[in-house]
Amino acid sequence: GRQASQPAALLLGGLHAREWVPPELMIALSADLLEAQARQTGLRYGSRYFTARDIDTLFTTVMIYIVPCANPDGRHFTQTSDPMWRKNRNPAHGNGSSSCCGVDLNRNFPFLWDHRAKFAQDADVATSDNPCDRQVYRGDSPASEPETRNVIHLLDSHPEIRWMVDVHSYVPAVYH
């Protein structure tokens, strides 16, 4: 059985609405892992092979939390109205203008909300306090968005989470 003190990892997908691949990837990974565990088989991804024992070790040593799509309203909007939409769909921003609604959820977390306090001035990190900024509007205050608060609640409720991967598909890079 799993222990409350067992270390855990959180895999988070779909914060940016227009990045359709991460939610699909998280669901496929979940299905692959569960099937490999149930059938006691290994998994191959490209040239990398994980044995049945590797899969068993993973399930017995690490609790895995997967949130495939943290921004379902934004994702739905990209699939039905504007495929390049990035933010959530919170109508509280932008004085009622539908083109000014929403928040870039990555920038709404307390860590990035006031990026000037966390990053050097020449760092390539930007946020905006303009609700009509289609890309990096940070919100009215840190964690103002329910999607952001959901992730924070998950992390606060599960202190065993030691690793988090926020999966995006815009650039081929891993930031840590």
N, C-alpha and C. Protein backbone atom coordinates (compact mmCIF):
# COMPACT_ATOMS: atom_id res chain seq x y z
N GLY A 1 0.81 -1.19 0.00
CA GLY A 1 0.00 0.00 0.00
C GLY A 1 0.85 1.25 0.00
N ARG A 2 0.25 2.33 -0.31
CA ARG A 2 0.95 3.62 -0.36
C ARG A 2 0.96 4.25 1.03
N GLN A 3 2.04 4.92 1.30
CA GLN A 3 2.18 5.63 2.56
C GLN A 3 2.02 7.11 2.33
N ALA A 4 1.44 7.83 3.31
CA ALA A 4 1.27 9.27 3.17
C ALA A 4 2.61 9.98 3.01
N SER A 5 3.66 9.38 3.54
CA SER A 5 4.98 10.00 3.45
C SER A 5 5.73 9.62 2.17
N GLN A 6 5.11 8.78 1.36
CA GLN A 6 5.74 8.37 0.10
C GLN A 6 5.91 9.59 -0.79
N PRO A 7 7.10 9.80 -1.35
CA PRO A 7 7.29 10.97 -2.20
C PRO A 7 6.37 10.90 -3.42
N ALA A 8 6.00 12.08 -3.90
CA ALA A 8 5.06 12.15 -5.01
C ALA A 8 5.55 13.14 -6.06
N ALA A 9 5.02 12.94 -7.27
CA ALA A 9 5.29 13.83 -8.39
C ALA A 9 3.95 14.29 -8.95
N LEU A 10 3.91 15.55 -9.35
CA LEU A 10 2.73 16.11 -10.00
C LEU A 10 3.07 16.43 -11.44
N LEU A 11 2.30 15.89 -12.37
CA LEU A 11 2.42 16.20 -13.78
C LEU A 11 1.20 17.03 -14.15
N LEU A 12 1.45 18.25 -14.60
CA LEU A 12 0.39 19.21 -14.85
C LEU A 12 0.38 19.58 -16.33
N GLY A 13 -0.76 19.48 -16.96
CA GLY A 13 -0.87 19.83 -18.37
C GLY A 13 -1.99 20.81 -18.63
N GLY A 14 -1.93 21.46 -19.77
CA GLY A 14 -3.03 22.26 -20.23
C GLY A 14 -3.26 23.59 -19.56
N LEU A 15 -2.24 24.20 -18.96
CA LEU A 15 -2.43 25.53 -18.40
C LEU A 15 -2.66 26.57 -19.50
N HIS A 16 -1.92 26.43 -20.59
CA HIS A 16 -2.13 27.34 -21.72
C HIS A 16 -3.11 26.69 -22.68
N ALA A 17 -4.21 27.39 -22.92
CA ALA A 17 -5.34 26.83 -23.65
C ALA A 17 -4.97 26.32 -25.04
N ARG A 18 -4.11 27.03 -25.75
CA ARG A 18 -3.82 26.66 -27.14
C ARG A 18 -2.82 25.52 -27.27
N GLU A 19 -2.28 25.07 -26.19
CA GLU A 19 -1.33 23.95 -26.23
C GLU A 19 -2.12 22.66 -26.03
N TRP A 20 -2.59 22.10 -27.12
CA TRP A 20 -3.47 20.94 -27.09
C TRP A 20 -2.74 19.64 -26.79
N VAL A 21 -1.46 19.58 -27.04
CA VAL A 21 -0.73 18.31 -26.88
C VAL A 21 -0.59 17.87 -25.41
N PRO A 22 -0.24 18.73 -24.48
CA PRO A 22 -0.02 18.25 -23.12
C PRO A 22 -1.19 17.48 -22.50
N PRO A 23 -2.45 17.94 -22.60
CA PRO A 23 -3.52 17.12 -22.02
C PRO A 23 -3.62 15.73 -22.65
N GLU A 24 -3.48 15.68 -23.97
CA GLU A 24 -3.52 14.38 -24.65
C GLU A 24 -2.36 13.50 -24.21
N LEU A 25 -1.19 14.11 -24.08
CA LEU A 25 0.00 13.39 -23.64
C LEU A 25 -0.17 12.84 -22.22
N MET A 26 -0.74 13.65 -21.33
CA MET A 26 -0.93 13.22 -19.94
C MET A 26 -1.91 12.05 -19.86
N ILE A 27 -2.95 12.08 -20.67
CA ILE A 27 -3.92 10.98 -20.68
C ILE A 27 -3.27 9.72 -21.26
N ALA A 28 -2.53 9.86 -22.34
CA ALA A 28 -1.86 8.70 -22.95
C ALA A 28 -0.82 8.11 -21.99
N LEU A 29 -0.06 8.96 -21.32
CA LEU A 29 0.93 8.47 -20.35
C LEU A 29 0.24 7.72 -19.22
N SER A 30 -0.85 8.29 -18.71
CA SER A 30 -1.60 7.62 -17.64
C SER A 30 -2.07 6.24 -18.08
N ALA A 31 -2.66 6.18 -19.27
CA ALA A 31 -3.15 4.90 -19.79
C ALA A 31 -2.01 3.91 -19.99
N ASP A 32 -0.90 4.38 -20.53
CA ASP A 32 0.25 3.49 -20.75
C ASP A 32 0.76 2.92 -19.43
N LEU A 33 0.92 3.79 -18.44
CA LEU A 33 1.44 3.33 -17.15
C LEU A 33 0.49 2.36 -16.47
N LEU A 34 -0.80 2.68 -16.47
CA LEU A 34 -1.77 1.79 -15.82
C LEU A 34 -1.87 0.44 -16.54
N GLU A 35 -1.83 0.46 -17.87
CA GLU A 35 -1.88 -0.79 -18.62
C GLU A 35 -0.63 -1.62 -18.38
N ALA A 36 0.53 -0.98 -18.39
CA ALA A 36 1.78 -1.71 -18.15
C ALA A 36 1.79 -2.32 -16.75
N GLN A 37 1.28 -1.59 -15.79
CA GLN A 37 1.22 -2.13 -14.43
C GLN A 37 0.24 -3.30 -14.35
N ALA A 38 -0.93 -3.14 -14.93
CA ALA A 38 -1.95 -4.19 -14.86
C ALA A 38 -1.51 -5.47 -15.58
N ARG A 39 -0.85 -5.32 -16.70
CA ARG A 39 -0.43 -6.48 -17.49
C ARG A 39 0.96 -6.98 -17.14
N GLN A 40 1.64 -6.22 -16.24
CA GLN A 40 3.01 -6.56 -15.86
C GLN A 40 3.92 -6.64 -17.09
N THR A 41 3.83 -5.60 -17.93
CA THR A 41 4.68 -5.50 -19.12
C THR A 41 5.52 -4.24 -19.02
N GLY A 42 6.44 -4.11 -19.92
CA GLY A 42 7.26 -2.92 -19.98
C GLY A 42 6.64 -1.90 -20.93
N LEU A 43 7.36 -0.78 -21.08
CA LEU A 43 6.94 0.30 -21.99
C LEU A 43 8.13 0.74 -22.82
N ARG A 44 7.88 1.03 -24.08
CA ARG A 44 8.93 1.56 -24.94
C ARG A 44 8.47 2.92 -25.46
N TYR A 45 9.34 3.91 -25.29
CA TYR A 45 9.15 5.23 -25.87
C TYR A 45 10.40 5.53 -26.68
N GLY A 46 10.24 5.48 -28.00
CA GLY A 46 11.41 5.68 -28.87
C GLY A 46 12.41 4.57 -28.62
N SER A 47 13.65 4.94 -28.37
CA SER A 47 14.70 3.95 -28.13
C SER A 47 14.80 3.58 -26.64
N ARG A 48 14.00 4.19 -25.80
CA ARG A 48 14.07 3.94 -24.35
C ARG A 48 13.05 2.88 -23.95
N TYR A 49 13.52 1.86 -23.24
CA TYR A 49 12.64 0.79 -22.79
C TYR A 49 12.63 0.74 -21.27
N PHE A 50 11.43 0.66 -20.71
CA PHE A 50 11.25 0.51 -19.27
C PHE A 50 10.67 -0.87 -19.03
N THR A 51 11.35 -1.67 -18.23
CA THR A 51 10.92 -3.03 -17.97
C THR A 51 9.69 -3.05 -17.06
N ALA A 52 9.06 -4.21 -16.97
CA ALA A 52 7.93 -4.38 -16.05
C ALA A 52 8.38 -4.08 -14.62
N ARG A 53 9.61 -4.45 -14.31
CA ARG A 53 10.15 -4.17 -12.97
C ARG A 53 10.31 -2.66 -12.76
N ASP A 54 10.76 -1.94 -13.80
CA ASP A 54 10.86 -0.47 -13.71
C ASP A 54 9.49 0.14 -13.41
N ILE A 55 8.47 -0.34 -14.10
CA ILE A 55 7.12 0.18 -13.91
C ILE A 55 6.65 -0.13 -12.49
N ASP A 56 6.88 -1.35 -12.04
CA ASP A 56 6.49 -1.74 -10.68
C ASP A 56 7.23 -0.88 -9.65
N THR A 57 8.51 -0.66 -9.87
CA THR A 57 9.29 0.18 -8.96
C THR A 57 8.73 1.60 -8.92
N LEU A 58 8.37 2.12 -10.06
CA LEU A 58 7.79 3.46 -10.11
C LEU A 58 6.53 3.52 -9.25
N PHE A 59 5.62 2.57 -9.44
CA PHE A 59 4.35 2.58 -8.70
C PHE A 59 4.53 2.30 -7.21
N THR A 60 5.57 1.61 -6.83
CA THR A 60 5.74 1.32 -5.40
C THR A 60 6.60 2.35 -4.68
N THR A 61 7.28 3.21 -5.42
CA THR A 61 8.16 4.18 -4.75
C THR A 61 7.72 5.63 -4.89
N VAL A 62 6.88 5.92 -5.88
CA VAL A 62 6.47 7.31 -6.12
C VAL A 62 4.96 7.36 -6.33
N MET A 63 4.30 8.25 -5.61
CA MET A 63 2.89 8.53 -5.87
C MET A 63 2.87 9.51 -7.04
N ILE A 64 2.02 9.26 -8.02
CA ILE A 64 1.97 10.12 -9.20
C ILE A 64 0.59 10.77 -9.28
N TYR A 65 0.59 12.08 -9.29
CA TYR A 65 -0.63 12.85 -9.50
C TYR A 65 -0.56 13.44 -10.91
N ILE A 66 -1.61 13.24 -11.68
CA ILE A 66 -1.63 13.78 -13.04
C ILE A 66 -2.89 14.62 -13.21
N VAL A 67 -2.69 15.87 -13.60
CA VAL A 67 -3.79 16.77 -13.95
C VAL A 67 -3.63 17.03 -15.45
N PRO A 68 -4.40 16.33 -16.27
CA PRO A 68 -4.22 16.46 -17.72
C PRO A 68 -4.51 17.87 -18.25
N CYS A 69 -5.59 18.48 -17.76
CA CYS A 69 -5.97 19.79 -18.32
C CYS A 69 -6.41 20.72 -17.20
N ALA A 70 -5.54 21.63 -16.83
CA ALA A 70 -5.82 22.57 -15.74
C ALA A 70 -6.63 23.77 -16.19
N ASN A 71 -6.88 23.92 -17.49
CA ASN A 71 -7.60 25.07 -18.03
C ASN A 71 -8.66 24.59 -19.04
N PRO A 72 -9.67 23.85 -18.58
CA PRO A 72 -10.63 23.27 -19.53
C PRO A 72 -11.46 24.31 -20.28
N ASP A 73 -11.84 25.42 -19.64
CA ASP A 73 -12.63 26.43 -20.34
C ASP A 73 -11.83 27.07 -21.46
N GLY A 74 -10.56 27.38 -21.18
CA GLY A 74 -9.70 27.95 -22.21
C GLY A 74 -9.49 26.98 -23.36
N ARG A 75 -9.27 25.72 -23.04
CA ARG A 75 -9.07 24.71 -24.08
C ARG A 75 -10.31 24.60 -24.96
N HIS A 76 -11.48 24.55 -24.34
CA HIS A 76 -12.72 24.45 -25.11
C HIS A 76 -12.86 25.66 -26.05
N PHE A 77 -12.51 26.83 -25.56
CA PHE A 77 -12.60 28.04 -26.39
C PHE A 77 -11.67 27.94 -27.60
N THR A 78 -10.47 27.39 -27.41
CA THR A 78 -9.55 27.26 -28.55
C THR A 78 -10.07 26.26 -29.57
N GLN A 79 -10.82 25.29 -29.11
CA GLN A 79 -11.32 24.26 -30.02
C GLN A 79 -12.62 24.66 -30.71
N THR A 80 -13.25 25.73 -30.22
CA THR A 80 -14.53 26.13 -30.81
C THR A 80 -14.53 27.55 -31.38
N SER A 81 -13.58 28.41 -30.94
CA SER A 81 -13.66 29.82 -31.36
C SER A 81 -12.34 30.41 -31.83
N ASP A 82 -11.29 30.29 -31.03
CA ASP A 82 -10.03 30.97 -31.33
C ASP A 82 -8.86 30.04 -30.99
N PRO A 83 -8.30 29.35 -31.99
CA PRO A 83 -7.25 28.36 -31.72
C PRO A 83 -5.97 28.94 -31.13
N MET A 84 -5.77 30.24 -31.19
CA MET A 84 -4.55 30.82 -30.64
C MET A 84 -4.74 31.43 -29.25
N TRP A 85 -5.92 31.28 -28.66
CA TRP A 85 -6.18 31.79 -27.31
C TRP A 85 -5.28 31.08 -26.31
N ARG A 86 -4.70 31.81 -25.37
CA ARG A 86 -3.72 31.26 -24.45
C ARG A 86 -4.23 31.20 -23.01
N LYS A 87 -5.06 32.14 -22.63
CA LYS A 87 -5.45 32.35 -21.23
C LYS A 87 -6.66 31.51 -20.84
N ASN A 88 -7.10 31.67 -19.58
CA ASN A 88 -8.37 31.09 -19.19
C ASN A 88 -9.48 31.97 -19.73
N ARG A 89 -10.71 31.73 -19.34
CA ARG A 89 -11.83 32.49 -19.89
C ARG A 89 -12.56 33.29 -18.81
N ASN A 90 -11.90 33.67 -17.75
CA ASN A 90 -12.53 34.42 -16.69
C ASN A 90 -13.04 35.76 -17.24
N PRO A 91 -14.38 35.97 -17.22
CA PRO A 91 -14.93 37.21 -17.78
C PRO A 91 -14.77 38.42 -16.86
N ALA A 92 -14.24 38.24 -15.68
CA ALA A 92 -14.14 39.34 -14.71
C ALA A 92 -13.09 40.37 -15.10
N HIS A 93 -12.26 40.07 -16.07
CA HIS A 93 -11.18 40.98 -16.47
C HIS A 93 -11.55 41.68 -17.77
N GLY A 94 -11.07 42.88 -17.95
CA GLY A 94 -11.24 43.57 -19.23
C GLY A 94 -12.53 44.34 -19.38
N ASN A 95 -13.20 44.67 -18.29
CA ASN A 95 -14.40 45.50 -18.33
C ASN A 95 -15.47 44.98 -19.28
N GLY A 96 -15.69 43.68 -19.27
CA GLY A 96 -16.76 43.10 -20.07
C GLY A 96 -16.44 42.81 -21.52
N SER A 97 -15.27 43.19 -21.99
CA SER A 97 -14.90 42.90 -23.37
C SER A 97 -14.44 41.45 -23.47
N SER A 98 -15.07 40.67 -24.36
CA SER A 98 -14.70 39.26 -24.47
C SER A 98 -13.27 39.07 -24.96
N SER A 99 -12.75 40.06 -25.70
CA SER A 99 -11.38 39.93 -26.17
C SER A 99 -10.37 40.26 -25.06
N CYS A 100 -10.83 40.86 -23.99
CA CYS A 100 -9.93 41.21 -22.88
C CYS A 100 -10.12 40.31 -21.67
N CYS A 101 -10.93 39.29 -21.76
CA CYS A 101 -11.13 38.41 -20.60
C CYS A 101 -9.94 37.47 -20.46
N GLY A 102 -9.85 36.83 -19.33
CA GLY A 102 -8.87 35.78 -19.13
C GLY A 102 -7.54 36.23 -18.55
N VAL A 103 -6.82 35.23 -18.02
CA VAL A 103 -5.54 35.41 -17.36
C VAL A 103 -4.59 34.32 -17.83
N ASP A 104 -3.32 34.68 -18.04
CA ASP A 104 -2.29 33.68 -18.31
C ASP A 104 -2.02 32.98 -16.98
N LEU A 105 -2.47 31.77 -16.87
CA LEU A 105 -2.41 31.06 -15.59
C LEU A 105 -0.99 30.87 -15.07
N ASN A 106 -0.03 30.64 -15.94
CA ASN A 106 1.35 30.49 -15.46
C ASN A 106 1.81 31.74 -14.72
N ARG A 107 1.39 32.90 -15.19
CA ARG A 107 1.81 34.15 -14.56
C ARG A 107 0.96 34.50 -13.35
N ASN A 108 -0.08 33.73 -13.07
CA ASN A 108 -0.96 34.02 -11.95
C ASN A 108 -0.49 33.38 -10.65
N PHE A 109 0.45 32.46 -10.72
CA PHE A 109 0.98 31.86 -9.50
C PHE A 109 1.80 32.90 -8.75
N PRO A 110 1.76 32.88 -7.42
CA PRO A 110 2.48 33.91 -6.65
C PRO A 110 3.95 34.06 -7.06
N PHE A 111 4.60 32.97 -7.44
CA PHE A 111 6.01 33.04 -7.79
C PHE A 111 6.28 33.94 -8.99
N LEU A 112 5.42 33.87 -10.01
CA LEU A 112 5.65 34.66 -11.22
C LEU A 112 4.85 35.96 -11.28
N TRP A 113 3.87 36.12 -10.39
CA TRP A 113 2.99 37.27 -10.49
C TRP A 113 3.78 38.58 -10.44
N ASP A 114 4.68 38.70 -9.48
CA ASP A 114 5.54 39.89 -9.42
C ASP A 114 6.93 39.48 -9.87
N HIS A 115 7.06 39.22 -11.17
CA HIS A 115 8.31 38.66 -11.69
C HIS A 115 9.50 39.60 -11.50
N ARG A 116 9.25 40.89 -11.41
CA ARG A 116 10.37 41.83 -11.23
C ARG A 116 11.10 41.59 -9.92
N ALA A 117 10.40 41.08 -8.92
CA ALA A 117 11.02 40.78 -7.63
C ALA A 117 11.78 39.46 -7.65
N LYS A 118 11.52 38.61 -8.63
CA LYS A 118 12.10 37.27 -8.65
C LYS A 118 13.18 37.08 -9.72
N PHE A 119 13.15 37.90 -10.78
CA PHE A 119 14.06 37.71 -11.90
C PHE A 119 14.89 38.97 -12.13
N ALA A 120 16.05 38.78 -12.72
CA ALA A 120 16.90 39.90 -13.11
C ALA A 120 16.19 40.71 -14.19
N GLN A 121 16.49 42.01 -14.26
CA GLN A 121 15.83 42.86 -15.24
C GLN A 121 16.04 42.41 -16.68
N ASP A 122 17.19 41.78 -16.95
CA ASP A 122 17.46 41.35 -18.32
C ASP A 122 16.97 39.92 -18.61
N ALA A 123 16.28 39.31 -17.64
CA ALA A 123 15.72 37.98 -17.86
C ALA A 123 14.60 38.06 -18.90
N ASP A 124 14.49 37.02 -19.69
CA ASP A 124 13.47 36.99 -20.73
C ASP A 124 12.15 36.46 -20.16
N VAL A 125 11.65 37.16 -19.13
CA VAL A 125 10.40 36.80 -18.49
C VAL A 125 9.53 38.05 -18.47
N ALA A 126 8.30 37.91 -18.91
CA ALA A 126 7.43 39.08 -18.97
C ALA A 126 6.06 38.74 -18.41
N THR A 127 5.46 39.69 -17.75
CA THR A 127 4.06 39.63 -17.39
C THR A 127 3.47 41.00 -17.69
N SER A 128 2.16 41.06 -17.68
CA SER A 128 1.50 42.32 -17.96
C SER A 128 0.40 42.55 -16.93
N ASP A 129 0.18 43.81 -16.59
CA ASP A 129 -0.95 44.15 -15.72
C ASP A 129 -2.12 44.69 -16.54
N ASN A 130 -2.05 44.54 -17.86
CA ASN A 130 -3.09 44.99 -18.77
C ASN A 130 -4.02 43.82 -19.11
N PRO A 131 -5.28 43.87 -18.67
CA PRO A 131 -6.19 42.75 -18.95
C PRO A 131 -6.38 42.45 -20.43
N CYS A 132 -6.10 43.42 -21.30
CA CYS A 132 -6.27 43.19 -22.73
C CYS A 132 -5.02 42.61 -23.40
N ASP A 133 -3.97 42.36 -22.62
CA ASP A 133 -2.79 41.69 -23.16
C ASP A 133 -3.18 40.24 -23.43
N ARG A 134 -3.17 39.82 -24.68
CA ARG A 134 -3.62 38.47 -25.06
C ARG A 134 -2.67 37.37 -24.63
N GLN A 135 -1.46 37.72 -24.23
CA GLN A 135 -0.47 36.69 -23.95
C GLN A 135 -0.16 36.50 -22.47
N VAL A 136 0.23 37.55 -21.78
CA VAL A 136 0.84 37.37 -20.46
C VAL A 136 0.18 38.21 -19.36
N TYR A 137 -1.12 38.50 -19.47
CA TYR A 137 -1.80 39.19 -18.38
C TYR A 137 -1.79 38.31 -17.14
N ARG A 138 -1.29 38.86 -16.05
CA ARG A 138 -1.04 38.08 -14.83
C ARG A 138 -2.23 37.98 -13.89
N GLY A 139 -3.27 38.76 -14.12
CA GLY A 139 -4.42 38.76 -13.22
C GLY A 139 -4.35 39.94 -12.27
N ASP A 140 -5.45 40.14 -11.55
CA ASP A 140 -5.55 41.27 -10.63
C ASP A 140 -4.68 41.12 -9.39
N SER A 141 -4.44 39.88 -8.99
CA SER A 141 -3.64 39.59 -7.80
C SER A 141 -3.11 38.17 -7.91
N PRO A 142 -2.09 37.84 -7.11
CA PRO A 142 -1.58 36.46 -7.15
C PRO A 142 -2.69 35.46 -6.81
N ALA A 143 -2.76 34.39 -7.58
CA ALA A 143 -3.73 33.32 -7.36
C ALA A 143 -5.16 33.81 -7.41
N SER A 144 -5.44 34.79 -8.26
CA SER A 144 -6.80 35.30 -8.40
C SER A 144 -7.71 34.33 -9.15
N GLU A 145 -7.13 33.38 -9.86
CA GLU A 145 -7.91 32.49 -10.73
C GLU A 145 -8.19 31.15 -10.08
N PRO A 146 -9.39 30.61 -10.30
CA PRO A 146 -9.72 29.31 -9.70
C PRO A 146 -8.80 28.19 -10.16
N GLU A 147 -8.36 28.23 -11.40
CA GLU A 147 -7.46 27.19 -11.90
C GLU A 147 -6.13 27.22 -11.14
N THR A 148 -5.63 28.41 -10.90
CA THR A 148 -4.38 28.56 -10.13
C THR A 148 -4.59 28.07 -8.70
N ARG A 149 -5.69 28.47 -8.10
CA ARG A 149 -5.98 28.05 -6.72
C ARG A 149 -6.14 26.54 -6.62
N ASN A 150 -6.68 25.91 -7.67
CA ASN A 150 -6.81 24.45 -7.66
C ASN A 150 -5.44 23.78 -7.57
N VAL A 151 -4.49 24.26 -8.36
CA VAL A 151 -3.14 23.68 -8.33
C VAL A 151 -2.49 23.95 -6.98
N ILE A 152 -2.61 25.16 -6.48
CA ILE A 152 -2.04 25.49 -5.16
C ILE A 152 -2.65 24.61 -4.08
N HIS A 153 -3.97 24.42 -4.14
CA HIS A 153 -4.64 23.56 -3.16
C HIS A 153 -4.11 22.13 -3.23
N LEU A 154 -3.93 21.63 -4.43
CA LEU A 154 -3.38 20.28 -4.59
C LEU A 154 -2.00 20.18 -3.96
N LEU A 155 -1.15 21.16 -4.23
CA LEU A 155 0.20 21.15 -3.65
C LEU A 155 0.17 21.31 -2.13
N ASP A 156 -0.68 22.20 -1.63
CA ASP A 156 -0.78 22.40 -0.18
C ASP A 156 -1.38 21.20 0.54
N SER A 157 -2.30 20.51 -0.12
CA SER A 157 -2.98 19.36 0.49
C SER A 157 -2.14 18.10 0.46
N HIS A 158 -1.13 18.10 -0.37
CA HIS A 158 -0.29 16.91 -0.53
C HIS A 158 1.18 17.29 -0.40
N PRO A 159 1.63 17.52 0.83
CA PRO A 159 3.02 17.93 1.03
C PRO A 159 4.04 16.88 0.59
N GLU A 160 3.56 15.68 0.30
CA GLU A 160 4.49 14.64 -0.19
C GLU A 160 4.93 14.92 -1.63
N ILE A 161 4.27 15.85 -2.32
CA ILE A 161 4.68 16.19 -3.68
C ILE A 161 6.03 16.90 -3.62
N ARG A 162 7.04 16.23 -4.15
CA ARG A 162 8.41 16.77 -4.15
C ARG A 162 8.84 17.26 -5.51
N TRP A 163 8.15 16.79 -6.57
CA TRP A 163 8.50 17.17 -7.93
C TRP A 163 7.24 17.58 -8.66
N MET A 164 7.39 18.59 -9.50
CA MET A 164 6.27 19.01 -10.34
C MET A 164 6.80 19.30 -11.73
N VAL A 165 6.09 18.79 -12.72
CA VAL A 165 6.43 19.08 -14.11
C VAL A 165 5.21 19.75 -14.73
N ASP A 166 5.38 20.98 -15.16
CA ASP A 166 4.34 21.75 -15.83
C ASP A 166 4.60 21.57 -17.32
N VAL A 167 3.82 20.72 -17.97
CA VAL A 167 4.08 20.31 -19.35
C VAL A 167 3.45 21.30 -20.33
N HIS A 168 4.28 21.83 -21.21
CA HIS A 168 3.85 22.75 -22.25
C HIS A 168 4.32 22.22 -23.60
N SER A 169 3.83 22.84 -24.68
CA SER A 169 4.25 22.37 -26.00
C SER A 169 4.67 23.50 -26.92
N TYR A 170 4.86 24.69 -26.39
CA TYR A 170 5.20 25.83 -27.25
C TYR A 170 6.63 25.75 -27.77
N VAL A 171 7.58 25.47 -26.90
CA VAL A 171 8.98 25.35 -27.31
C VAL A 171 9.54 24.03 -26.78
N PRO A 172 10.49 23.46 -27.49
CA PRO A 172 11.10 22.20 -27.02
C PRO A 172 12.15 22.48 -25.94
N ALA A 173 11.68 22.74 -24.72
CA ALA A 173 12.59 23.06 -23.63
C ALA A 173 12.04 22.54 -22.31
N VAL A 174 12.92 22.26 -21.38
CA VAL A 174 12.55 21.88 -20.03
C VAL A 174 13.12 22.94 -19.10
N TYR A 175 12.25 23.63 -18.39
CA TYR A 175 12.68 24.64 -17.42
C TYR A 175 12.52 24.06 -16.03
N HIS A 176 13.48 24.37 -15.16
CA HIS A 176 13.37 23.89 -13.78
C HIS A 176 13.86 24.96 -12.84
